[in-house]
Amino acid sequence: ADFMLKSYSKNYYKLVTHGPLDREEIPEYNIIVLATDRGKPPLSSRTNITLHIADVNDNAPVFQQPWYIVHVAENNPPGA
């Protein structure tokens, strides 16, 4: 599982990631949190959380050669 509930004080929990998340693998998570007590009959509550993963540039640029030699003319228009 990508997420887990962690107790951080009495009767309080955090929803935390189990590891790094990668938008290129899974861009969105739909998480359902369900809480049920031990009563007779048991009472419960649930909530849905939609988590959109933002992207970071985690891939360094790759070049075919260790260096390139080019000649650029002076006074070119912008974008040339």
C-alpha atoms as a PDB file:
ATOM      1  CA  ALA A   1       0.000   0.000   0.000  1.00  0.00           C
ATOM      2  CA  ASP A   2       1.183   3.537  -0.743  1.00  0.00           C
ATOM      3  CA  PHE A   3      -0.413   5.033   2.386  1.00  0.00           C
ATOM      4  CA  MET A   4      -0.784   4.062   6.023  1.00  0.00           C
ATOM      5  CA  LEU A   5      -2.423   5.393   9.164  1.00  0.00           C
ATOM      6  CA  LYS A   6      -0.006   6.273  11.964  1.00  0.00           C
ATOM      7  CA  SER A   7      -1.033   6.974  15.532  1.00  0.00           C
ATOM      8  CA  TYR A   8       0.517  10.186  16.804  1.00  0.00           C
ATOM      9  CA  SER A   9      -1.402  10.690  20.064  1.00  0.00           C
ATOM     10  CA  LYS A  10      -4.387   9.176  21.861  1.00  0.00           C
ATOM     11  CA  ASN A  11      -7.300   8.773  19.403  1.00  0.00           C
ATOM     12  CA  TYR A  12      -5.513  10.763  16.654  1.00  0.00           C
ATOM     13  CA  TYR A  13      -3.968   9.371  13.505  1.00  0.00           C
ATOM     14  CA  LYS A  14      -2.059  10.698  10.492  1.00  0.00           C
ATOM     15  CA  LEU A  15      -2.459   9.483   6.939  1.00  0.00           C
ATOM     16  CA  VAL A  16       1.118   9.275   5.638  1.00  0.00           C
ATOM     17  CA  THR A  17       2.832   7.975   2.531  1.00  0.00           C
ATOM     18  CA  HIS A  18       4.654   4.673   2.802  1.00  0.00           C
ATOM     19  CA  GLY A  19       7.340   5.917   0.381  1.00  0.00           C
ATOM     20  CA  PRO A  20       7.949   8.415  -2.396  1.00  0.00           C
ATOM     21  CA  LEU A  21       5.122   9.016  -4.878  1.00  0.00           C
ATOM     22  CA  ASP A  22       5.813   9.406  -8.609  1.00  0.00           C
ATOM     23  CA  ARG A  23       3.312  11.285 -10.785  1.00  0.00           C
ATOM     24  CA  GLU A  24       4.585   9.494 -13.877  1.00  0.00           C
ATOM     25  CA  GLU A  25       3.530   6.153 -12.363  1.00  0.00           C
ATOM     26  CA  ILE A  26       0.296   7.195 -10.613  1.00  0.00           C
ATOM     27  CA  PRO A  27      -0.888  10.807 -11.082  1.00  0.00           C
ATOM     28  CA  GLU A  28      -3.923  10.625  -8.755  1.00  0.00           C
ATOM     29  CA  TYR A  29      -5.030   8.644  -5.708  1.00  0.00           C
ATOM     30  CA  ASN A  30      -8.572   8.163  -4.435  1.00  0.00           C
ATOM     31  CA  ILE A  31      -8.281   7.355  -0.736  1.00  0.00           C
ATOM     32  CA  ILE A  32     -11.193   6.152   1.400  1.00  0.00           C
ATOM     33  CA  VAL A  33     -10.834   6.463   5.172  1.00  0.00           C
ATOM     34  CA  LEU A  34     -13.398   4.403   7.087  1.00  0.00           C
ATOM     35  CA  ALA A  35     -13.736   4.576  10.888  1.00  0.00           C
ATOM     36  CA  THR A  36     -15.907   2.080  12.786  1.00  0.00           C
ATOM     37  CA  ASP A  37     -16.456   1.743  16.533  1.00  0.00           C
ATOM     38  CA  ARG A  38     -17.078  -1.455  18.501  1.00  0.00           C
ATOM     39  CA  GLY A  39     -20.607  -0.594  19.583  1.00  0.00           C
ATOM     40  CA  LYS A  40     -23.702  -2.724  19.097  1.00  0.00           C
ATOM     41  CA  PRO A  41     -24.721  -1.832  16.451  1.00  0.00           C
ATOM     42  CA  PRO A  42     -21.386  -0.406  15.292  1.00  0.00           C
ATOM     43  CA  LEU A  43     -21.346   3.194  14.115  1.00  0.00           C
ATOM     44  CA  SER A  44     -19.130   4.247  11.258  1.00  0.00           C
ATOM     45  CA  SER A  45     -18.101   7.219   9.210  1.00  0.00           C
ATOM     46  CA  ARG A  46     -16.135   7.517   5.982  1.00  0.00           C
ATOM     47  CA  THR A  47     -14.543  10.195   3.904  1.00  0.00           C
ATOM     48  CA  ASN A  48     -13.074  10.220   0.412  1.00  0.00           C
ATOM     49  CA  ILE A  49      -9.820  12.055  -0.299  1.00  0.00           C
ATOM     50  CA  THR A  50      -8.655  12.752  -3.850  1.00  0.00           C
ATOM     51  CA  LEU A  51      -4.918  13.403  -3.968  1.00  0.00           C
ATOM     52  CA  HIS A  52      -3.407  14.907  -7.144  1.00  0.00           C
ATOM     53  CA  ILE A  53       0.350  14.383  -7.391  1.00  0.00           C
ATOM     54  CA  ALA A  54       2.365  17.343  -8.700  1.00  0.00           C
ATOM     55  CA  ASP A  55       5.342  16.763 -10.964  1.00  0.00           C
ATOM     56  CA  VAL A  56       8.956  17.649 -10.307  1.00  0.00           C
ATOM     57  CA  ASN A  57      11.750  17.418 -12.832  1.00  0.00           C
ATOM     58  CA  ASP A  58      13.383  14.242 -11.534  1.00  0.00           C
ATOM     59  CA  ASN A  59      15.096  13.331 -14.822  1.00  0.00           C
ATOM     60  CA  ALA A  60      18.420  14.987 -15.569  1.00  0.00           C
ATOM     61  CA  PRO A  61      19.017  16.022 -19.196  1.00  0.00           C
ATOM     62  CA  VAL A  62      20.839  13.446 -21.325  1.00  0.00           C
ATOM     63  CA  PHE A  63      23.183  14.368 -24.169  1.00  0.00           C
ATOM     64  CA  GLN A  64      24.576  12.055 -26.833  1.00  0.00           C
ATOM     65  CA  GLN A  65      28.071  13.628 -26.688  1.00  0.00           C
ATOM     66  CA  PRO A  66      30.134  15.021 -23.804  1.00  0.00           C
ATOM     67  CA  TRP A  67      30.433  18.409 -25.633  1.00  0.00           C
ATOM     68  CA  TYR A  68      29.242  20.220 -28.743  1.00  0.00           C
ATOM     69  CA  ILE A  69      30.911  22.915 -30.860  1.00  0.00           C
ATOM     70  CA  VAL A  70      28.561  25.360 -32.581  1.00  0.00           C
ATOM     71  CA  HIS A  71      28.946  28.740 -34.219  1.00  0.00           C
ATOM     72  CA  VAL A  72      26.260  31.347 -33.557  1.00  0.00           C
ATOM     73  CA  ALA A  73      26.167  34.456 -35.701  1.00  0.00           C
ATOM     74  CA  GLU A  74      26.146  37.784 -33.914  1.00  0.00           C
ATOM     75  CA  ASN A  75      22.997  39.949 -33.858  1.00  0.00           C
ATOM     76  CA  ASN A  76      20.553  37.113 -34.558  1.00  0.00           C
ATOM     77  CA  PRO A  77      16.896  37.896 -33.876  1.00  0.00           C
ATOM     78  CA  PRO A  78      15.596  36.557 -30.542  1.00  0.00           C
ATOM     79  CA  GLY A  79      14.743  32.856 -30.748  1.00  0.00           C
ATOM     80  CA  ALA A  80      17.045  32.174 -33.696  1.00  0.00           C
END
